[in-house]
């Protein structure tokens, strides 16, 4: 249920806020993958969790863009 709460939280953000959060998450994911490759990552589950958050943000951005297209500037 934690994922559902986080997804609901993302829906309260505006598209620019979500895009900023997506950039930050993508950067964190890059850093985690770099640490993974160099052997400095101790919590491997973090990569999967950050990937999931990034995907959720992208999903909400898509939902909001579809809603705007359907209902005008909503």
PDB file of N, CA and C in Angstrom:
ATOM      1  N   UNK A   1       0.810  -1.210   0.000  1.00  0.00           N
ATOM      2  CA  UNK A   1       0.000   0.000   0.000  1.00  0.00           C
ATOM      3  C   UNK A   1       0.849   1.269   0.000  1.00  0.00           C
ATOM      4  N   UNK A   2       2.113   1.128   0.332  1.00  0.00           N
ATOM      5  CA  UNK A   2       2.989   2.287   0.337  1.00  0.00           C
ATOM      6  C   UNK A   2       3.078   2.904  -1.056  1.00  0.00           C
ATOM      7  N   UNK A   3       3.122   2.044  -2.088  1.00  0.00           N
ATOM      8  CA  UNK A   3       3.202   2.534  -3.463  1.00  0.00           C
ATOM      9  C   UNK A   3       1.979   3.364  -3.827  1.00  0.00           C
ATOM     10  N   UNK A   4       0.820   2.919  -3.359  1.00  0.00           N
ATOM     11  CA  UNK A   4      -0.413   3.644  -3.664  1.00  0.00           C
ATOM     12  C   UNK A   4      -0.395   5.036  -3.031  1.00  0.00           C
ATOM     13  N   UNK A   5       0.094   5.133  -1.809  1.00  0.00           N
ATOM     14  CA  UNK A   5       0.162   6.422  -1.117  1.00  0.00           C
ATOM     15  C   UNK A   5       1.114   7.364  -1.841  1.00  0.00           C
ATOM     16  N   UNK A   6       2.235   6.822  -2.306  1.00  0.00           N
ATOM     17  CA  UNK A   6       3.201   7.647  -3.005  1.00  0.00           C
ATOM     18  C   UNK A   6       2.647   8.118  -4.347  1.00  0.00           C
ATOM     19  N   UNK A   7       1.939   7.244  -5.035  1.00  0.00           N
ATOM     20  CA  UNK A   7       1.332   7.594  -6.311  1.00  0.00           C
ATOM     21  C   UNK A   7       0.289   8.691  -6.121  1.00  0.00           C
ATOM     22  N   UNK A   8      -0.489   8.605  -5.060  1.00  0.00           N
ATOM     23  CA  UNK A   8      -1.484   9.636  -4.750  1.00  0.00           C
ATOM     24  C   UNK A   8      -0.794  10.966  -4.464  1.00  0.00           C
ATOM     25  N   UNK A   9       0.322  10.913  -3.775  1.00  0.00           N
ATOM     26  CA  UNK A   9       1.082  12.130  -3.473  1.00  0.00           C
ATOM     27  C   UNK A   9       1.569  12.794  -4.766  1.00  0.00           C
ATOM     28  N   UNK A  10       2.034  11.984  -5.723  1.00  0.00           N
ATOM     29  CA  UNK A  10       2.520  12.530  -6.984  1.00  0.00           C
ATOM     30  C   UNK A  10       1.397  13.210  -7.763  1.00  0.00           C
ATOM     31  N   UNK A  11       0.186  12.725  -7.627  1.00  0.00           N
ATOM     32  CA  UNK A  11      -0.936  13.302  -8.373  1.00  0.00           C
ATOM     33  C   UNK A  11      -1.265  14.718  -7.901  1.00  0.00           C
ATOM     34  N   UNK A  12      -0.807  15.111  -6.724  1.00  0.00           N
ATOM     35  CA  UNK A  12      -1.043  16.464  -6.217  1.00  0.00           C
ATOM     36  C   UNK A  12      -0.071  17.476  -6.810  1.00  0.00           C
ATOM     37  N   UNK A  13       0.995  17.017  -7.445  1.00  0.00           N
ATOM     38  CA  UNK A  13       2.000  17.905  -8.016  1.00  0.00           C
ATOM     39  C   UNK A  13       1.574  18.408  -9.385  1.00  0.00           C
ATOM     40  N   UNK A  14       2.140  19.545  -9.791  1.00  0.00           N
ATOM     41  CA  UNK A  14       1.923  20.045 -11.142  1.00  0.00           C
ATOM     42  C   UNK A  14       2.895  19.333 -12.086  1.00  0.00           C
ATOM     43  N   UNK A  15       2.646  19.446 -13.380  1.00  0.00           N
ATOM     44  CA  UNK A  15       3.529  18.792 -14.353  1.00  0.00           C
ATOM     45  C   UNK A  15       4.972  19.300 -14.230  1.00  0.00           C
ATOM     46  N   UNK A  16       5.218  20.619 -14.123  1.00  0.00           N
ATOM     47  CA  UNK A  16       6.617  21.065 -13.949  1.00  0.00           C
ATOM     48  C   UNK A  16       7.269  20.510 -12.688  1.00  0.00           C
ATOM     49  N   UNK A  17       6.518  20.428 -11.597  1.00  0.00           N
ATOM     50  CA  UNK A  17       7.064  19.848 -10.367  1.00  0.00           C
ATOM     51  C   UNK A  17       7.403  18.375 -10.571  1.00  0.00           C
ATOM     52  N   UNK A  18       6.531  17.672 -11.274  1.00  0.00           N
ATOM     53  CA  UNK A  18       6.777  16.256 -11.553  1.00  0.00           C
ATOM     54  C   UNK A  18       7.997  16.084 -12.451  1.00  0.00           C
ATOM     55  N   UNK A  19       8.134  16.954 -13.432  1.00  0.00           N
ATOM     56  CA  UNK A  19       9.293  16.867 -14.327  1.00  0.00           C
ATOM     57  C   UNK A  19      10.589  17.106 -13.562  1.00  0.00           C
ATOM     58  N   UNK A  20      10.573  18.048 -12.623  1.00  0.00           N
ATOM     59  CA  UNK A  20      11.754  18.300 -11.795  1.00  0.00           C
ATOM     60  C   UNK A  20      12.058  17.085 -10.935  1.00  0.00           C
ATOM     61  N   UNK A  21      11.022  16.512 -10.338  1.00  0.00           N
ATOM     62  CA  UNK A  21      11.203  15.317  -9.504  1.00  0.00           C
ATOM     63  C   UNK A  21      11.726  14.148 -10.341  1.00  0.00           C
ATOM     64  N   UNK A  22      11.252  14.043 -11.584  1.00  0.00           N
ATOM     65  CA  UNK A  22      11.717  12.974 -12.478  1.00  0.00           C
ATOM     66  C   UNK A  22      13.201  13.153 -12.790  1.00  0.00           C
ATOM     67  N   UNK A  23      13.626  14.395 -13.032  1.00  0.00           N
ATOM     68  CA  UNK A  23      15.051  14.655 -13.299  1.00  0.00           C
ATOM     69  C   UNK A  23      15.905  14.264 -12.101  1.00  0.00           C
ATOM     70  N   UNK A  24      15.445  14.632 -10.903  1.00  0.00           N
ATOM     71  CA  UNK A  24      16.195  14.296  -9.688  1.00  0.00           C
ATOM     72  C   UNK A  24      16.265  12.783  -9.488  1.00  0.00           C
ATOM     73  N   UNK A  25      15.161  12.113  -9.746  1.00  0.00           N
ATOM     74  CA  UNK A  25      15.105  10.661  -9.582  1.00  0.00           C
ATOM     75  C   UNK A  25      15.990   9.972 -10.606  1.00  0.00           C
ATOM     76  N   UNK A  26      15.982  10.472 -11.835  1.00  0.00           N
ATOM     77  CA  UNK A  26      16.818   9.900 -12.898  1.00  0.00           C
ATOM     78  C   UNK A  26      18.303  10.065 -12.542  1.00  0.00           C
ATOM     79  N   UNK A  27      18.654  11.208 -11.979  1.00  0.00           N
ATOM     80  CA  UNK A  27      20.035  11.448 -11.553  1.00  0.00           C
ATOM     81  C   UNK A  27      20.427  10.497 -10.417  1.00  0.00           C
ATOM     82  N   UNK A  28      19.511  10.306  -9.471  1.00  0.00           N
ATOM     83  CA  UNK A  28      19.768   9.371  -8.369  1.00  0.00           C
ATOM     84  C   UNK A  28      19.959   7.950  -8.909  1.00  0.00           C
ATOM     85  N   UNK A  29      19.144   7.581  -9.880  1.00  0.00           N
ATOM     86  CA  UNK A  29      19.247   6.261 -10.489  1.00  0.00           C
ATOM     87  C   UNK A  29      20.587   6.093 -11.198  1.00  0.00           C
ATOM     88  N   UNK A  30      21.018   7.125 -11.906  1.00  0.00           N
ATOM     89  CA  UNK A  30      22.321   7.094 -12.572  1.00  0.00           C
ATOM     90  C   UNK A  30      23.433   6.870 -11.552  1.00  0.00           C
ATOM     91  N   UNK A  31      23.376   7.617 -10.435  1.00  0.00           N
ATOM     92  CA  UNK A  31      24.401   7.489  -9.398  1.00  0.00           C
ATOM     93  C   UNK A  31      24.389   6.103  -8.766  1.00  0.00           C
ATOM     94  N   UNK A  32      23.188   5.565  -8.545  1.00  0.00           N
ATOM     95  CA  UNK A  32      23.094   4.222  -7.971  1.00  0.00           C
ATOM     96  C   UNK A  32      23.676   3.175  -8.923  1.00  0.00           C
ATOM     97  N   UNK A  33      23.368   3.310 -10.200  1.00  0.00           N
ATOM     98  CA  UNK A  33      23.898   2.358 -11.177  1.00  0.00           C
ATOM     99  C   UNK A  33      25.417   2.466 -11.277  1.00  0.00           C
ATOM    100  N   UNK A  34      25.924   3.682 -11.169  1.00  0.00           N
ATOM    101  CA  UNK A  34      27.370   3.879 -11.193  1.00  0.00           C
ATOM    102  C   UNK A  34      28.003   3.194  -9.977  1.00  0.00           C
ATOM    103  N   UNK A  35      27.402   3.388  -8.800  1.00  0.00           N
ATOM    104  CA  UNK A  35      27.899   2.743  -7.583  1.00  0.00           C
ATOM    105  C   UNK A  35      27.824   1.227  -7.710  1.00  0.00           C
ATOM    106  N   UNK A  36      26.776   0.733  -8.338  1.00  0.00           N
ATOM    107  CA  UNK A  36      26.617  -0.703  -8.543  1.00  0.00           C
ATOM    108  C   UNK A  36      27.753  -1.248  -9.398  1.00  0.00           C
ATOM    109  N   UNK A  37      28.078  -0.553 -10.475  1.00  0.00           N
ATOM    110  CA  UNK A  37      29.133  -0.997 -11.391  1.00  0.00           C
ATOM    111  C   UNK A  37      30.522  -0.947 -10.749  1.00  0.00           C
ATOM    112  N   UNK A  38      30.713   0.027  -9.866  1.00  0.00           N
ATOM    113  CA  UNK A  38      32.028   0.166  -9.234  1.00  0.00           C
ATOM    114  C   UNK A  38      32.137  -0.634  -7.943  1.00  0.00           C
ATOM    115  N   UNK A  39      31.053  -1.296  -7.545  1.00  0.00           N
ATOM    116  CA  UNK A  39      31.091  -2.130  -6.354  1.00  0.00           C
ATOM    117  C   UNK A  39      30.937  -1.378  -5.048  1.00  0.00           C
ATOM    118  N   UNK A  40      30.424  -0.151  -5.090  1.00  0.00           N
ATOM    119  CA  UNK A  40      30.280   0.653  -3.882  1.00  0.00           C
ATOM    120  C   UNK A  40      28.843   0.698  -3.362  1.00  0.00           C
ATOM    121  N   UNK A  41      27.953  -0.061  -3.968  1.00  0.00           N
ATOM    122  CA  UNK A  41      26.551  -0.028  -3.556  1.00  0.00           C
ATOM    123  C   UNK A  41      26.277  -1.172  -2.590  1.00  0.00           C
ATOM    124  N   UNK A  42      25.757  -0.830  -1.420  1.00  0.00           N
ATOM    125  CA  UNK A  42      25.483  -1.865  -0.421  1.00  0.00           C
ATOM    126  C   UNK A  42      24.008  -2.268  -0.395  1.00  0.00           C
ATOM    127  N   UNK A  43      23.113  -1.360  -0.779  1.00  0.00           N
ATOM    128  CA  UNK A  43      21.678  -1.658  -0.757  1.00  0.00           C
ATOM    129  C   UNK A  43      21.169  -1.787  -2.193  1.00  0.00           C
ATOM    130  N   UNK A  44      21.201  -3.019  -2.705  1.00  0.00           N
ATOM    131  CA  UNK A  44      20.842  -3.259  -4.098  1.00  0.00           C
ATOM    132  C   UNK A  44      19.352  -3.033  -4.375  1.00  0.00           C
ATOM    133  N   UNK A  45      18.532  -3.188  -3.366  1.00  0.00           N
ATOM    134  CA  UNK A  45      17.099  -2.997  -3.557  1.00  0.00           C
ATOM    135  C   UNK A  45      16.754  -1.540  -3.849  1.00  0.00           C
ATOM    136  N   UNK A  46      17.646  -0.653  -3.518  1.00  0.00           N
ATOM    137  CA  UNK A  46      17.408   0.780  -3.750  1.00  0.00           C
ATOM    138  C   UNK A  46      17.275   1.079  -5.246  1.00  0.00           C
ATOM    139  N   UNK A  47      18.035   0.382  -6.085  1.00  0.00           N
ATOM    140  CA  UNK A  47      17.967   0.601  -7.536  1.00  0.00           C
ATOM    141  C   UNK A  47      16.548   0.311  -8.024  1.00  0.00           C
ATOM    142  N   UNK A  48      16.001  -0.812  -7.614  1.00  0.00           N
ATOM    143  CA  UNK A  48      14.654  -1.182  -8.036  1.00  0.00           C
ATOM    144  C   UNK A  48      13.621  -0.185  -7.520  1.00  0.00           C
ATOM    145  N   UNK A  49      13.769   0.243  -6.275  1.00  0.00           N
ATOM    146  CA  UNK A  49      12.822   1.190  -5.681  1.00  0.00           C
ATOM    147  C   UNK A  49      12.847   2.527  -6.425  1.00  0.00           C
ATOM    148  N   UNK A  50      14.030   3.016  -6.753  1.00  0.00           N
ATOM    149  CA  UNK A  50      14.150   4.297  -7.459  1.00  0.00           C
ATOM    150  C   UNK A  50      13.602   4.166  -8.875  1.00  0.00           C
ATOM    151  N   UNK A  51      13.849   3.028  -9.525  1.00  0.00           N
ATOM    152  CA  UNK A  51      13.285   2.792 -10.861  1.00  0.00           C
ATOM    153  C   UNK A  51      11.766   2.839 -10.818  1.00  0.00           C
ATOM    154  N   UNK A  52      11.196   2.234  -9.786  1.00  0.00           N
ATOM    155  CA  UNK A  52       9.737   2.220  -9.633  1.00  0.00           C
ATOM    156  C   UNK A  52       9.198   3.634  -9.420  1.00  0.00           C
ATOM    157  N   UNK A  53       9.853   4.424  -8.576  1.00  0.00           N
ATOM    158  CA  UNK A  53       9.421   5.806  -8.330  1.00  0.00           C
ATOM    159  C   UNK A  53       9.470   6.603  -9.628  1.00  0.00           C
ATOM    160  N   UNK A  54      10.545   6.424 -10.392  1.00  0.00           N
ATOM    161  CA  UNK A  54      10.679   7.140 -11.669  1.00  0.00           C
ATOM    162  C   UNK A  54       9.520   6.771 -12.602  1.00  0.00           C
ATOM    163  N   UNK A  55       9.209   5.503 -12.679  1.00  0.00           N
ATOM    164  CA  UNK A  55       8.117   5.045 -13.541  1.00  0.00           C
ATOM    165  C   UNK A  55       6.778   5.626 -13.075  1.00  0.00           C
ATOM    166  N   UNK A  56       6.570   5.687 -11.771  1.00  0.00           N
ATOM    167  CA  UNK A  56       5.329   6.253 -11.244  1.00  0.00           C
ATOM    168  C   UNK A  56       5.201   7.729 -11.600  1.00  0.00           C
ATOM    169  N   UNK A  57       6.299   8.460 -11.489  1.00  0.00           N
ATOM    170  CA  UNK A  57       6.284   9.880 -11.841  1.00  0.00           C
ATOM    171  C   UNK A  57       5.929  10.039 -13.318  1.00  0.00           C
ATOM    172  N   UNK A  58       6.561   9.239 -14.174  1.00  0.00           N
ATOM    173  CA  UNK A  58       6.282   9.320 -15.606  1.00  0.00           C
ATOM    174  C   UNK A  58       4.826   8.972 -15.907  1.00  0.00           C
ATOM    175  N   UNK A  59       4.278   8.017 -15.172  1.00  0.00           N
ATOM    176  CA  UNK A  59       2.878   7.631 -15.358  1.00  0.00           C
ATOM    177  C   UNK A  59       1.948   8.792 -15.017  1.00  0.00           C
ATOM    178  N   UNK A  60       2.212   9.463 -13.905  1.00  0.00           N
ATOM    179  CA  UNK A  60       1.366  10.578 -13.492  1.00  0.00           C
ATOM    180  C   UNK A  60       1.489  11.729 -14.483  1.00  0.00           C
ATOM    181  N   UNK A  61       2.683  11.992 -14.994  1.00  0.00           N
ATOM    182  CA  UNK A  61       2.864  13.030 -16.012  1.00  0.00           C
ATOM    183  C   UNK A  61       2.000  12.700 -17.229  1.00  0.00           C
ATOM    184  N   UNK A  62       2.037  11.456 -17.671  1.00  0.00           N
ATOM    185  CA  UNK A  62       1.232  11.040 -18.824  1.00  0.00           C
ATOM    186  C   UNK A  62      -0.260  11.199 -18.551  1.00  0.00           C
ATOM    187  N   UNK A  63      -0.694  10.794 -17.362  1.00  0.00           N
ATOM    188  CA  UNK A  63      -2.103  10.939 -16.994  1.00  0.00           C
ATOM    189  C   UNK A  63      -2.530  12.398 -17.049  1.00  0.00           C
ATOM    190  N   UNK A  64      -1.698  13.281 -16.493  1.00  0.00           N
ATOM    191  CA  UNK A  64      -2.041  14.703 -16.465  1.00  0.00           C
ATOM    192  C   UNK A  64      -2.070  15.290 -17.868  1.00  0.00           C
ATOM    193  N   UNK A  65      -1.136  14.894 -18.722  1.00  0.00           N
ATOM    194  CA  UNK A  65      -1.134  15.391 -20.108  1.00  0.00           C
ATOM    195  C   UNK A  65      -2.358  14.910 -20.872  1.00  0.00           C
ATOM    196  N   UNK A  66      -2.763  13.663 -20.655  1.00  0.00           N
ATOM    197  CA  UNK A  66      -3.972  13.148 -21.307  1.00  0.00           C
ATOM    198  C   UNK A  66      -5.203  13.898 -20.813  1.00  0.00           C
ATOM    199  N   UNK A  67      -5.255  14.172 -19.521  1.00  0.00           N
ATOM    200  CA  UNK A  67      -6.386  14.906 -18.951  1.00  0.00           C
ATOM    201  C   UNK A  67      -6.457  16.321 -19.523  1.00  0.00           C
ATOM    202  N   UNK A  68      -5.291  16.953 -19.672  1.00  0.00           N
ATOM    203  CA  UNK A  68      -5.264  18.305 -20.254  1.00  0.00           C
ATOM    204  C   UNK A  68      -5.730  18.267 -21.695  1.00  0.00           C
ATOM    205  N   UNK A  69      -5.298  17.290 -22.448  1.00  0.00           N
ATOM    206  CA  UNK A  69      -5.688  17.182 -23.849  1.00  0.00           C
ATOM    207  C   UNK A  69      -7.193  16.927 -23.973  1.00  0.00           C
ATOM    208  N   UNK A  70      -7.727  16.160 -23.059  1.00  0.00           N
ATOM    209  CA  UNK A  70      -9.137  15.801 -23.116  1.00  0.00           C
ATOM    210  C   UNK A  70     -10.042  16.934 -22.647  1.00  0.00           C
ATOM    211  N   UNK A  71      -9.612  17.630 -21.594  1.00  0.00           N
ATOM    212  CA  UNK A  71     -10.468  18.641 -20.972  1.00  0.00           C
ATOM    213  C   UNK A  71      -9.953  20.080 -21.155  1.00  0.00           C
ATOM    214  N   UNK A  72      -9.013  20.284 -22.016  1.00  0.00           N
ATOM    215  CA  UNK A  72      -8.402  21.594 -22.130  1.00  0.00           C
ATOM    216  C   UNK A  72      -7.383  21.767 -21.040  1.00  0.00           C
ATOM    217  N   UNK A  73      -6.974  22.970 -20.742  1.00  0.00           N
ATOM    218  CA  UNK A  73      -5.953  23.226 -19.713  1.00  0.00           C
ATOM    219  C   UNK A  73      -6.568  23.007 -18.345  1.00  0.00           C
ATOM    220  N   UNK A  74      -6.484  21.781 -17.861  1.00  0.00           N
ATOM    221  CA  UNK A  74      -7.092  21.423 -16.562  1.00  0.00           C
ATOM    222  C   UNK A  74      -6.130  21.608 -15.428  1.00  0.00           C
TER     223      UNK A  74
END
